[in-house]
N, C-alpha and C. Protein backbone atom coordinates (compact mmCIF):
# COMPACT_ATOMS: atom_id res chain seq x y z
N MET A 1 93.86 148.73 97.01
CA MET A 1 93.26 147.27 96.62
C MET A 1 91.88 146.82 97.77
N PRO A 2 91.00 146.65 97.12
CA PRO A 2 89.67 146.16 98.00
C PRO A 2 89.88 145.15 98.62
N GLU A 3 89.41 144.83 100.27
CA GLU A 3 89.27 143.92 100.53
C GLU A 3 88.19 142.63 99.98
N PHE A 4 88.62 141.42 99.54
CA PHE A 4 87.93 140.35 99.20
C PHE A 4 87.48 139.98 100.23
N SER A 5 86.51 139.04 99.83
CA SER A 5 85.61 137.76 100.59
C SER A 5 86.25 136.92 100.73
N LEU A 6 86.43 136.01 101.73
CA LEU A 6 86.89 134.66 101.56
C LEU A 6 86.69 133.73 100.32
N VAL A 7 85.59 134.02 99.73
CA VAL A 7 84.59 133.08 98.69
C VAL A 7 86.08 133.54 97.41
N GLN A 8 85.64 135.18 97.25
CA GLN A 8 86.34 135.81 96.05
C GLN A 8 88.12 135.16 96.27
N LYS A 9 88.30 135.48 97.59
CA LYS A 9 89.92 135.17 97.89
C LYS A 9 90.25 133.56 97.10
N ILE A 10 89.78 132.84 97.39
CA ILE A 10 89.73 131.39 96.56
C ILE A 10 89.79 131.06 95.52
N ILE A 11 88.25 132.04 94.70
CA ILE A 11 88.58 132.32 93.27
C ILE A 11 89.58 132.77 92.71
N ILE A 12 89.90 133.83 93.53
CA ILE A 12 91.39 134.82 92.75
C ILE A 12 92.65 133.76 92.93
N TYR A 13 92.54 133.11 94.21
CA TYR A 13 93.84 132.40 94.01
C TYR A 13 93.82 130.61 93.50
N SER A 14 92.57 130.25 93.24
CA SER A 14 92.64 128.74 92.47
C SER A 14 93.46 129.05 91.26
N ILE A 15 92.95 129.93 89.98
CA ILE A 15 93.76 129.88 88.86
C ILE A 15 95.37 129.81 89.18
N PRO A 16 95.94 130.95 89.50
CA PRO A 16 97.42 130.54 90.05
C PRO A 16 97.98 129.45 90.17
N VAL A 17 97.15 128.95 91.84
CA VAL A 17 97.67 127.96 92.22
C VAL A 17 97.93 126.36 91.38
N ILE A 18 96.34 126.12 90.93
CA ILE A 18 96.30 125.00 90.14
C ILE A 18 97.38 125.33 89.01
N PHE A 19 97.48 126.38 88.11
CA PHE A 19 98.66 126.55 87.17
C PHE A 19 99.93 125.74 87.71
N ALA A 20 100.02 126.85 88.60
CA ALA A 20 101.55 126.86 89.44
C ALA A 20 102.08 125.38 89.35
N ILE A 21 101.10 124.76 90.08
CA ILE A 21 101.24 123.10 90.50
C ILE A 21 101.61 122.31 89.48
N THR A 22 100.40 122.21 88.67
CA THR A 22 99.83 121.30 86.99
C THR A 22 101.13 121.77 86.44
N VAL A 23 101.92 122.98 86.30
CA VAL A 23 102.83 123.50 85.10
C VAL A 23 104.11 122.47 85.86
N HIS A 24 104.14 122.78 86.95
CA HIS A 24 105.69 122.21 87.44
C HIS A 24 105.49 120.84 87.33
N GLU A 25 104.34 120.00 87.63
CA GLU A 25 104.38 118.63 87.22
C GLU A 25 104.72 117.88 86.12
N VAL A 26 104.50 118.84 85.10
CA VAL A 26 104.07 118.60 83.62
C VAL A 26 105.72 118.81 83.50
N ALA A 27 106.35 119.89 83.56
CA ALA A 27 107.40 120.11 83.64
C ALA A 27 108.55 118.88 83.85
N HIS A 28 108.20 118.44 85.15
CA HIS A 28 109.21 117.36 84.94
C HIS A 28 109.13 116.08 84.55
N GLY A 29 107.85 115.59 83.92
CA GLY A 29 107.45 114.59 82.97
C GLY A 29 107.98 114.85 81.49
N TRP A 30 107.57 116.09 81.21
CA TRP A 30 108.11 116.43 80.08
C TRP A 30 109.67 116.28 79.55
N VAL A 31 110.29 117.13 80.60
CA VAL A 31 112.11 116.88 80.89
C VAL A 31 112.40 115.35 80.40
N ALA A 32 111.90 114.87 81.76
CA ALA A 32 112.26 113.06 81.56
C ALA A 32 112.03 112.46 80.34
N SER A 33 110.65 112.69 79.63
CA SER A 33 110.67 112.62 78.24
C SER A 33 111.39 112.70 77.11
N LYS A 34 112.20 113.67 77.55
CA LYS A 34 112.89 114.15 76.43
C LYS A 34 114.64 113.53 76.91
N LEU A 35 114.29 113.01 77.68
CA LEU A 35 115.45 112.23 78.27
C LEU A 35 115.72 111.02 78.22
N GLY A 36 114.55 110.36 77.79
CA GLY A 36 114.19 108.93 77.81
C GLY A 36 113.54 108.17 78.57
N ASP A 37 112.61 109.06 79.41
CA ASP A 37 111.80 108.10 80.27
C ASP A 37 110.46 108.32 79.92
N GLN A 38 109.40 107.33 79.37
CA GLN A 38 108.11 107.82 79.08
C GLN A 38 107.16 107.83 79.91
N THR A 39 107.23 107.26 81.03
CA THR A 39 106.27 106.94 81.79
C THR A 39 105.14 107.63 82.37
N ALA A 40 105.37 108.91 82.66
CA ALA A 40 104.66 110.26 82.64
C ALA A 40 103.39 110.11 81.41
N ARG A 41 104.24 109.98 80.08
CA ARG A 41 103.38 110.21 78.72
C ARG A 41 102.37 109.07 78.60
N LEU A 42 102.89 107.88 78.84
CA LEU A 42 102.54 106.42 78.97
C LEU A 42 101.08 106.54 80.04
N MET A 43 101.42 106.95 80.90
CA MET A 43 100.12 107.40 81.97
C MET A 43 99.60 108.35 81.25
N GLY A 44 99.50 109.25 80.73
CA GLY A 44 98.75 110.58 80.41
C GLY A 44 98.74 111.56 81.33
N ARG A 45 100.22 111.71 81.77
CA ARG A 45 100.47 113.03 82.71
C ARG A 45 100.81 113.67 82.18
N LEU A 46 101.21 114.03 80.88
CA LEU A 46 101.93 114.91 80.35
C LEU A 46 100.84 115.96 79.67
N THR A 47 99.77 116.25 80.33
CA THR A 47 98.33 117.36 80.19
C THR A 47 98.55 118.23 81.00
N LEU A 48 97.87 119.41 80.50
CA LEU A 48 97.41 120.90 81.50
C LEU A 48 96.15 120.66 82.21
N ASN A 49 95.71 119.45 81.62
CA ASN A 49 94.47 119.41 82.37
C ASN A 49 94.37 119.08 83.54
N PRO A 50 94.20 119.90 84.49
CA PRO A 50 94.58 119.90 86.16
C PRO A 50 94.11 118.74 86.68
N PHE A 51 92.71 118.07 86.29
CA PHE A 51 92.29 117.24 86.90
C PHE A 51 93.23 115.79 86.60
N LYS A 52 93.78 116.12 85.91
CA LYS A 52 94.74 114.77 85.74
C LYS A 52 95.93 114.66 87.18
N HIS A 53 96.05 116.34 87.61
CA HIS A 53 97.12 116.23 88.63
C HIS A 53 96.92 116.63 90.00
N ILE A 54 95.55 117.02 89.84
CA ILE A 54 94.50 117.39 91.24
C ILE A 54 95.19 116.08 92.73
N ASP A 55 95.71 116.63 93.68
CA ASP A 55 95.82 115.80 95.03
C ASP A 55 94.77 116.52 95.73
N PRO A 56 93.20 115.75 95.90
CA PRO A 56 92.34 116.37 96.97
C PRO A 56 93.10 117.42 97.76
N VAL A 57 93.90 116.79 98.81
CA VAL A 57 94.36 117.24 99.85
C VAL A 57 95.49 118.26 99.71
N GLY A 58 96.26 118.22 98.76
CA GLY A 58 97.51 119.22 98.60
C GLY A 58 97.12 120.09 97.58
N THR A 59 96.34 119.92 96.68
CA THR A 59 96.10 121.04 95.86
C THR A 59 95.12 121.63 96.06
N ILE A 60 93.78 120.98 97.08
CA ILE A 60 92.64 121.60 97.32
C ILE A 60 92.37 122.29 98.89
N LEU A 61 92.77 120.83 100.00
CA LEU A 61 92.23 121.33 100.97
C LEU A 61 93.21 122.07 101.92
N VAL A 62 94.47 121.65 102.08
CA VAL A 62 95.85 122.90 102.23
C VAL A 62 96.00 123.87 101.83
N PRO A 63 95.74 124.23 100.65
CA PRO A 63 95.66 125.68 100.37
C PRO A 63 94.71 126.79 100.82
N ILE A 64 93.50 125.77 100.94
CA ILE A 64 92.44 126.55 101.49
C ILE A 64 92.35 126.89 103.01
N VAL A 65 92.68 125.72 103.23
CA VAL A 65 93.09 125.85 105.00
C VAL A 65 94.05 126.83 105.61
N MET A 66 95.26 126.95 104.64
CA MET A 66 96.46 128.04 104.95
C MET A 66 95.88 129.20 104.05
N LEU A 67 95.22 129.43 103.51
CA LEU A 67 94.38 130.52 103.02
C LEU A 67 93.35 131.48 103.98
N ILE A 68 92.75 130.60 104.76
CA ILE A 68 91.95 131.06 105.93
C ILE A 68 92.88 131.41 107.04
N PHE A 69 93.79 130.35 107.52
CA PHE A 69 94.22 130.84 108.71
C PHE A 69 95.65 131.32 108.71
N THR A 70 96.43 131.16 107.40
CA THR A 70 98.11 132.14 107.71
C THR A 70 98.08 132.90 106.49
N PRO A 71 98.98 133.59 106.65
CA PRO A 71 99.70 134.47 105.56
C PRO A 71 100.10 133.60 104.47
N PHE A 72 100.33 132.42 104.56
CA PHE A 72 101.51 131.57 103.41
C PHE A 72 99.92 130.81 102.73
N LEU A 73 101.04 130.40 101.46
CA LEU A 73 99.96 129.49 100.76
C LEU A 73 100.81 128.30 100.06
N LEU A 74 100.61 127.22 100.32
CA LEU A 74 101.51 126.23 99.83
C LEU A 74 100.29 124.90 99.28
N GLY A 75 101.24 124.14 98.79
CA GLY A 75 100.40 123.06 97.96
C GLY A 75 101.12 122.31 97.15
N TRP A 76 100.09 120.92 96.82
CA TRP A 76 101.22 120.19 96.10
C TRP A 76 99.95 119.60 94.91
N ALA A 77 100.67 118.95 93.95
CA ALA A 77 99.93 118.09 93.02
C ALA A 77 100.49 116.48 93.68
N LYS A 78 99.48 115.61 92.48
CA LYS A 78 100.12 114.17 92.70
C LYS A 78 101.20 114.10 91.79
N PRO A 79 102.99 113.53 92.45
CA PRO A 79 103.79 113.61 91.46
C PRO A 79 103.66 112.93 90.27
N VAL A 80 104.27 113.33 89.25
CA VAL A 80 104.48 113.05 87.77
C VAL A 80 105.51 111.77 87.59
N PRO A 81 105.00 110.79 87.63
CA PRO A 81 105.87 109.38 87.80
C PRO A 81 107.21 109.49 86.84
N VAL A 82 108.14 109.35 87.42
CA VAL A 82 109.66 109.05 86.49
C VAL A 82 110.26 107.95 87.07
N ASP A 83 110.62 107.23 85.86
CA ASP A 83 111.32 106.22 86.45
C ASP A 83 113.10 106.15 85.71
N TRP A 84 113.52 106.61 87.06
CA TRP A 84 114.97 106.75 86.50
C TRP A 84 115.79 105.90 85.89
N ARG A 85 115.41 104.65 85.76
CA ARG A 85 116.27 103.52 85.15
C ARG A 85 115.89 103.79 83.61
N ASN A 86 114.73 104.49 82.98
CA ASN A 86 115.02 104.71 81.93
C ASN A 86 115.63 105.92 81.30
N LEU A 87 116.03 106.35 81.82
CA LEU A 87 116.86 107.69 82.03
C LEU A 87 118.33 107.25 81.18
N ARG A 88 118.68 108.02 79.80
CA ARG A 88 120.07 107.70 79.35
C ARG A 88 121.41 107.87 80.33
N LYS A 89 121.19 109.07 81.24
CA LYS A 89 122.12 109.10 82.16
C LYS A 89 121.59 109.42 83.42
N PRO A 90 121.21 108.44 84.41
CA PRO A 90 120.11 108.29 85.38
C PRO A 90 120.82 109.48 86.70
N ARG A 91 122.09 109.67 86.80
CA ARG A 91 122.09 110.77 87.81
C ARG A 91 122.02 112.04 87.16
N HIS A 92 122.85 112.30 86.11
CA HIS A 92 122.83 113.17 85.78
C HIS A 92 121.51 114.03 85.19
N ASP A 93 121.04 112.98 84.51
CA ASP A 93 119.39 113.19 83.80
C ASP A 93 118.35 113.89 85.15
N MET A 94 118.18 113.22 86.07
CA MET A 94 117.70 113.35 87.29
C MET A 94 117.59 114.71 87.83
N ALA A 95 118.82 115.15 87.51
CA ALA A 95 118.96 116.46 88.26
C ALA A 95 118.26 118.08 87.04
N TRP A 96 118.42 117.34 86.14
CA TRP A 96 117.69 118.08 85.09
C TRP A 96 116.33 118.19 85.27
N VAL A 97 115.75 116.80 85.43
CA VAL A 97 114.28 116.18 85.45
C VAL A 97 113.63 117.33 87.04
N ALA A 98 114.84 117.20 87.90
CA ALA A 98 114.44 118.18 88.75
C ALA A 98 113.85 119.88 88.84
N VAL A 99 115.44 120.18 88.45
CA VAL A 99 115.30 121.69 87.72
C VAL A 99 113.86 122.08 86.85
N ALA A 100 113.53 121.32 86.12
CA ALA A 100 112.22 121.65 85.47
C ALA A 100 111.13 122.16 86.10
N GLY A 101 111.09 121.79 87.15
CA GLY A 101 109.68 122.44 87.81
C GLY A 101 109.71 123.53 88.32
N PRO A 102 110.98 123.78 89.42
CA PRO A 102 111.34 125.25 89.60
C PRO A 102 111.33 125.85 88.56
N ALA A 103 111.92 125.84 87.39
CA ALA A 103 112.34 126.59 86.03
C ALA A 103 110.69 126.90 85.40
N ALA A 104 109.65 126.25 85.76
CA ALA A 104 108.57 126.14 85.30
C ALA A 104 107.61 127.23 86.12
N ASN A 105 108.15 127.15 87.50
CA ASN A 105 107.78 128.16 88.13
C ASN A 105 108.26 129.36 87.73
N LEU A 106 109.74 129.61 87.59
CA LEU A 106 110.51 130.83 87.29
C LEU A 106 109.41 131.58 86.08
N LEU A 107 109.10 130.31 85.11
CA LEU A 107 108.66 130.98 83.81
C LEU A 107 107.21 131.73 84.40
N MET A 108 106.43 131.15 84.80
CA MET A 108 105.36 131.50 85.13
C MET A 108 104.96 132.74 86.04
N LEU A 109 106.46 132.83 86.85
CA LEU A 109 106.44 133.73 87.49
C LEU A 109 106.55 135.22 86.91
N ILE A 110 107.36 134.88 85.72
CA ILE A 110 107.99 135.90 84.74
C ILE A 110 106.57 136.25 84.18
N PHE A 111 105.53 135.61 83.77
CA PHE A 111 104.53 135.50 83.03
C PHE A 111 103.50 136.45 83.93
N TRP A 112 103.09 136.39 85.13
CA TRP A 112 102.33 137.36 85.96
C TRP A 112 102.57 138.53 86.39
N THR A 113 104.17 138.69 86.75
CA THR A 113 104.89 139.87 86.40
C THR A 113 104.74 140.49 85.27
N LEU A 114 105.18 140.16 84.27
CA LEU A 114 104.85 141.13 82.92
C LEU A 114 103.28 141.48 82.97
N LEU A 115 102.81 140.48 83.12
CA LEU A 115 101.22 140.46 83.04
C LEU A 115 100.67 141.81 84.16
N LEU A 116 101.13 141.62 85.12
CA LEU A 116 100.91 143.17 85.94
C LEU A 116 101.41 144.15 85.91
N LYS A 117 102.71 144.22 85.28
CA LYS A 117 103.33 145.12 84.60
C LYS A 117 102.74 146.00 83.60
N LEU A 118 102.10 144.81 82.63
CA LEU A 118 101.13 145.92 81.39
C LEU A 118 100.11 146.40 82.34
N MET A 119 99.31 145.85 83.00
CA MET A 119 98.28 146.37 83.47
C MET A 119 98.33 147.89 84.07
N LEU A 120 99.35 147.63 85.00
CA LEU A 120 99.73 148.90 85.99
C LEU A 120 100.18 150.33 84.51
N ILE A 121 101.24 149.63 83.77
CA ILE A 121 101.56 151.31 82.71
C ILE A 121 100.51 151.18 81.78
N SER A 122 99.52 150.80 81.55
CA SER A 122 98.48 151.04 80.60
C SER A 122 97.37 151.78 81.66
N GLY A 123 97.41 151.44 82.87
CA GLY A 123 96.39 152.30 83.25
C GLY A 123 95.28 151.35 83.57
N VAL A 124 95.24 150.15 82.84
CA VAL A 124 94.05 149.19 83.62
C VAL A 124 93.73 148.74 84.66
N ALA A 125 95.15 148.91 85.43
CA ALA A 125 94.89 148.39 87.06
C ALA A 125 93.92 149.65 87.75
N GLU A 126 94.07 150.17 87.38
CA GLU A 126 93.44 151.16 88.18
C GLU A 126 91.66 151.38 87.79
N GLN A 127 91.11 150.48 86.61
CA GLN A 127 89.99 150.26 86.73
C GLN A 127 89.09 149.43 87.72
N ASN A 128 87.92 149.28 88.11
CA ASN A 128 87.28 148.47 89.12
C ASN A 128 87.09 146.81 88.43
N TYR A 129 87.27 146.88 86.81
CA TYR A 129 86.83 145.53 86.75
C TYR A 129 88.14 144.87 86.91
N ALA A 130 88.97 145.39 86.68
CA ALA A 130 90.47 145.01 86.68
C ALA A 130 91.17 144.70 88.04
N LEU A 131 90.40 144.85 88.80
CA LEU A 131 91.01 144.91 90.30
C LEU A 131 91.13 143.15 90.83
N PRO A 132 90.52 142.32 90.39
CA PRO A 132 90.44 140.69 90.52
C PRO A 132 91.60 140.32 89.46
N PHE A 133 91.77 141.09 88.21
CA PHE A 133 93.05 140.38 87.44
C PHE A 133 94.06 140.95 88.23
N VAL A 134 94.26 142.24 88.73
CA VAL A 134 95.30 142.62 89.45
C VAL A 134 95.72 141.63 90.69
N ALA A 135 94.78 141.37 91.44
CA ALA A 135 95.22 140.53 92.64
C ALA A 135 95.53 138.91 92.36
N MET A 136 94.97 138.26 91.09
CA MET A 136 95.39 137.25 90.76
C MET A 136 96.55 137.09 90.01
N SER A 137 97.23 138.46 89.72
CA SER A 137 98.53 138.61 89.35
C SER A 137 99.33 138.46 90.53
N MET A 138 99.01 139.37 91.41
CA MET A 138 100.21 139.63 92.61
C MET A 138 100.45 138.37 93.22
N ALA A 139 99.17 137.04 93.20
CA ALA A 139 99.15 136.13 93.79
C ALA A 139 99.93 134.78 92.83
N GLY A 140 99.53 135.00 91.55
CA GLY A 140 100.28 134.28 90.91
C GLY A 140 101.69 134.46 91.20
N ILE A 141 102.27 135.94 91.34
CA ILE A 141 104.15 136.67 91.46
C ILE A 141 103.94 135.50 92.84
N PHE A 142 103.12 135.80 93.72
CA PHE A 142 103.64 135.45 95.62
C PHE A 142 103.85 133.68 95.29
N ILE A 143 102.80 132.80 94.73
CA ILE A 143 103.02 131.69 94.85
C ILE A 143 103.86 130.77 93.96
N ASN A 144 104.69 131.33 92.85
CA ASN A 144 105.36 130.88 91.86
C ASN A 144 106.80 131.42 92.87
N ILE A 145 106.67 132.22 93.59
CA ILE A 145 108.41 132.52 94.05
C ILE A 145 108.19 131.14 95.22
N THR A 146 107.12 131.68 95.89
CA THR A 146 107.25 130.40 96.89
C THR A 146 107.74 128.71 96.54
N LEU A 147 106.72 128.51 95.72
CA LEU A 147 106.99 127.35 95.15
C LEU A 147 108.24 126.97 94.81
N MET A 148 108.72 127.94 93.80
CA MET A 148 110.48 127.72 93.24
C MET A 148 111.16 127.46 94.55
N VAL A 149 111.05 128.58 95.71
CA VAL A 149 112.06 128.65 96.50
C VAL A 149 111.95 127.37 97.53
N LEU A 150 110.74 127.12 97.58
CA LEU A 150 110.42 125.83 98.36
C LEU A 150 111.27 124.52 97.75
N ASN A 151 110.76 124.36 96.46
CA ASN A 151 111.47 123.08 95.75
C ASN A 151 112.55 123.11 95.83
N LEU A 152 113.65 124.41 95.91
CA LEU A 152 114.94 124.03 95.95
C LEU A 152 115.50 123.54 97.14
N ILE A 153 114.74 123.64 98.07
CA ILE A 153 115.32 123.21 99.44
C ILE A 153 115.92 121.71 99.24
N PRO A 154 117.34 121.27 99.91
CA PRO A 154 117.68 120.08 99.50
C PRO A 154 117.04 119.09 100.19
N ILE A 155 115.83 118.86 100.76
CA ILE A 155 115.24 117.91 101.58
C ILE A 155 114.36 116.74 100.87
N PRO A 156 114.76 115.61 100.60
CA PRO A 156 114.10 114.65 99.93
C PRO A 156 112.89 115.00 100.57
N PRO A 157 111.58 114.48 99.70
CA PRO A 157 111.35 114.44 98.32
C PRO A 157 111.69 115.76 97.18
N LEU A 158 112.10 117.04 98.08
CA LEU A 158 111.71 118.37 97.56
C LEU A 158 112.99 118.30 96.04
N ASP A 159 112.97 119.06 95.06
CA ASP A 159 113.35 118.99 93.94
C ASP A 159 115.14 119.11 94.35
N GLY A 160 115.21 119.98 95.15
CA GLY A 160 116.55 120.32 95.11
C GLY A 160 117.25 119.45 95.57
N SER A 161 116.95 118.18 96.36
CA SER A 161 117.47 116.94 97.01
C SER A 161 118.37 116.42 95.59
N ARG A 162 116.85 116.09 94.53
CA ARG A 162 117.82 115.67 93.58
C ARG A 162 118.96 116.40 92.52
N ILE A 163 118.66 117.35 92.68
CA ILE A 163 120.01 118.49 92.12
C ILE A 163 121.06 118.11 92.98
N VAL A 164 121.23 118.11 94.29
CA VAL A 164 122.37 117.69 95.18
C VAL A 164 122.64 116.27 94.96
N SER A 165 121.77 115.21 94.90
CA SER A 165 122.03 114.05 94.81
C SER A 165 122.92 113.58 93.65
N ALA A 166 122.53 114.18 92.55
CA ALA A 166 123.66 114.13 91.38
C ALA A 166 124.98 114.87 91.64
N LEU A 167 125.22 115.95 92.43
CA LEU A 167 126.16 116.13 92.78
C LEU A 167 127.15 115.71 93.76
N LEU A 168 126.15 114.93 94.33
CA LEU A 168 127.14 113.96 95.29
C LEU A 168 128.16 113.20 94.69
N PRO A 169 129.18 112.45 95.38
CA PRO A 169 129.65 111.05 95.38
C PRO A 169 128.73 109.87 95.21
N VAL A 170 129.00 109.27 94.60
CA VAL A 170 128.05 107.84 94.48
C VAL A 170 127.70 107.32 95.80
N ARG A 171 128.79 107.05 96.60
CA ARG A 171 128.42 106.41 97.72
C ARG A 171 127.30 107.68 98.90
N LEU A 172 127.84 108.53 98.66
CA LEU A 172 127.31 109.50 99.83
C LEU A 172 125.71 109.78 99.05
N SER A 173 125.61 109.57 97.47
CA SER A 173 124.30 110.06 97.09
C SER A 173 123.24 108.92 97.69
N ILE A 174 123.81 107.90 97.74
CA ILE A 174 122.86 106.83 97.72
C ILE A 174 123.22 106.74 99.68
N MET A 175 123.63 106.96 100.50
CA MET A 175 123.17 107.34 101.40
C MET A 175 122.53 108.65 101.56
N TYR A 176 122.24 109.54 101.03
CA TYR A 176 121.67 110.77 101.00
C TYR A 176 120.09 110.52 100.39
N ASN A 177 119.81 109.55 99.64
CA ASN A 177 118.75 109.04 98.91
C ASN A 177 117.83 108.53 99.84
N ARG A 178 118.47 107.72 100.78
CA ARG A 178 118.02 106.84 101.98
C ARG A 178 116.96 108.19 102.85
N LEU A 179 117.33 109.21 102.82
CA LEU A 179 116.52 110.38 103.67
C LEU A 179 115.01 110.01 103.09
N GLU A 180 114.77 109.86 101.59
CA GLU A 180 113.63 110.16 101.38
C GLU A 180 112.55 109.31 101.63
N ALA A 181 112.73 108.05 102.41
CA ALA A 181 111.44 107.35 103.27
C ALA A 181 110.73 107.97 104.01
N TYR A 182 111.57 109.11 104.72
CA TYR A 182 111.28 109.89 105.51
C TYR A 182 111.19 111.04 105.37
N GLY A 183 111.09 111.89 104.10
CA GLY A 183 111.55 112.93 103.74
C GLY A 183 110.14 113.60 103.70
N MET A 184 108.98 113.20 103.13
CA MET A 184 107.79 113.63 103.63
C MET A 184 107.40 114.43 105.10
N MET A 185 107.98 113.39 105.95
CA MET A 185 107.88 113.33 107.59
C MET A 185 108.05 114.74 107.74
N ILE A 186 109.82 114.57 107.37
CA ILE A 186 110.30 115.51 107.92
C ILE A 186 109.95 117.09 107.30
N VAL A 187 109.40 117.18 105.85
CA VAL A 187 108.95 118.61 105.81
C VAL A 187 107.69 118.90 106.22
N LEU A 188 107.04 118.01 106.70
CA LEU A 188 105.58 118.06 107.67
C LEU A 188 106.42 118.75 108.41
N LEU A 189 106.84 117.89 109.26
CA LEU A 189 107.45 118.68 110.57
C LEU A 189 107.78 119.63 110.91
N LEU A 190 108.94 120.18 109.81
CA LEU A 190 109.51 121.29 109.66
C LEU A 190 108.48 122.18 109.42
N MET A 191 107.38 121.97 108.48
CA MET A 191 106.10 122.93 108.20
C MET A 191 105.51 123.45 109.34
N PHE A 192 104.93 122.18 110.44
CA PHE A 192 104.61 122.66 111.56
C PHE A 192 105.20 123.42 112.40
N THR A 193 106.07 122.99 112.51
CA THR A 193 107.13 123.94 113.74
C THR A 193 107.46 125.12 113.52
N GLY A 194 107.25 125.37 112.11
CA GLY A 194 107.54 126.67 111.61
C GLY A 194 108.94 126.92 110.74
N ILE A 195 110.15 125.65 111.24
CA ILE A 195 111.23 125.78 110.78
C ILE A 195 111.47 126.12 109.47
N LEU A 196 110.41 125.31 108.81
CA LEU A 196 110.87 125.55 107.14
C LEU A 196 110.41 126.78 106.79
N SER A 197 109.36 127.43 107.16
CA SER A 197 109.03 128.72 106.69
C SER A 197 110.61 129.78 107.13
N ASN A 198 111.03 129.34 108.25
CA ASN A 198 111.85 130.76 108.32
C ASN A 198 113.23 130.16 107.87
N LEU A 199 113.11 128.92 106.83
CA LEU A 199 114.38 128.48 106.06
C LEU A 199 114.40 129.27 104.85
N PHE A 200 112.84 128.99 104.18
CA PHE A 200 113.14 129.69 102.90
C PHE A 200 112.00 130.98 102.63
N MET A 201 111.11 131.43 103.79
CA MET A 201 110.16 132.82 103.68
C MET A 201 111.23 133.64 103.34
N PRO A 202 112.61 134.24 104.23
CA PRO A 202 113.11 135.38 104.05
C PRO A 202 113.41 135.40 102.44
N VAL A 203 113.90 134.36 101.78
CA VAL A 203 114.54 134.76 100.36
C VAL A 203 113.24 134.80 99.58
N VAL A 204 112.13 134.31 99.82
CA VAL A 204 110.75 134.99 99.19
C VAL A 204 110.26 136.24 99.26
N PHE A 205 110.45 137.18 100.74
CA PHE A 205 110.45 137.72 100.72
C PHE A 205 111.35 139.11 100.12
N ARG A 206 112.49 138.59 99.97
CA ARG A 206 113.47 139.35 99.32
C ARG A 206 113.48 139.11 97.62
N LEU A 207 112.80 138.39 97.16
CA LEU A 207 112.27 138.25 95.77
C LEU A 207 111.58 139.14 95.65
N GLN A 208 110.25 138.90 96.31
CA GLN A 208 109.10 139.57 96.28
C GLN A 208 109.21 140.91 96.31
N ARG A 209 110.67 141.55 97.36
CA ARG A 209 110.70 142.96 97.03
C ARG A 209 111.30 143.42 95.98
N LEU A 210 112.21 142.79 95.34
CA LEU A 210 112.89 142.84 93.97
C LEU A 210 111.70 143.00 93.22
N ILE A 211 110.61 142.00 92.83
CA ILE A 211 109.61 142.44 92.34
C ILE A 211 109.03 143.68 91.98
N ASP A 212 108.56 144.06 93.45
CA ASP A 212 107.96 144.81 93.75
C ASP A 212 108.44 146.15 93.35
N ASN A 213 109.61 146.02 93.50
CA ASN A 213 110.83 147.27 93.19
C ASN A 213 110.67 147.60 91.25
N PHE A 214 110.18 146.78 90.72
CA PHE A 214 110.21 146.24 89.28
C PHE A 214 108.75 146.78 89.02
N LEU A 215 107.72 146.71 89.42
CA LEU A 215 106.62 146.90 89.30
C LEU A 215 106.35 148.49 89.72
N PHE A 216 106.66 148.61 90.68
CA PHE A 216 106.21 149.65 91.21
C PHE A 216 107.66 151.00 91.25
């Protein structure tokens, strides 16, 4: 695999990053709409148009900075609004809304994996013109593994916290949900101290090895 310039890397990573984040958010809103909450639909957020979901910091600035200075790549989009009061079974349904995001990343992970496998077995991957698409597929695999695993960590406001909240007794769930007021601060603190990557990156690398074994 040739060494790409920074501009080339940004171009190669941009499509997998934007779609990984956009589809993740749309999945939340789509499942919520099926379970009774039309907030995202009414606000025009049930669209794959990335401009409706892009957060200037989380979707553009943070991924570029991490691509330049770290071996990891993280990002986020504007959260799709979900009003739990409109859901038919709020506690139960919020868990399904939360699961939808990582599930969308799993489907995109499967897509990029099968696309790369097809290029490898057909011999297309060996052609010079296909190298950017091979790199893009590899980026798509890693990005979606990372977002799927990261979002399943049970720290508010990550999706894993919604799942845990639905499984806890009501009183404990209420206490647990109060952490969300400080959740983003906790996530950022854990990220910059390296604790967050120590929590989920071993799982990411394990899944990456399993996929590499399938591919090669």
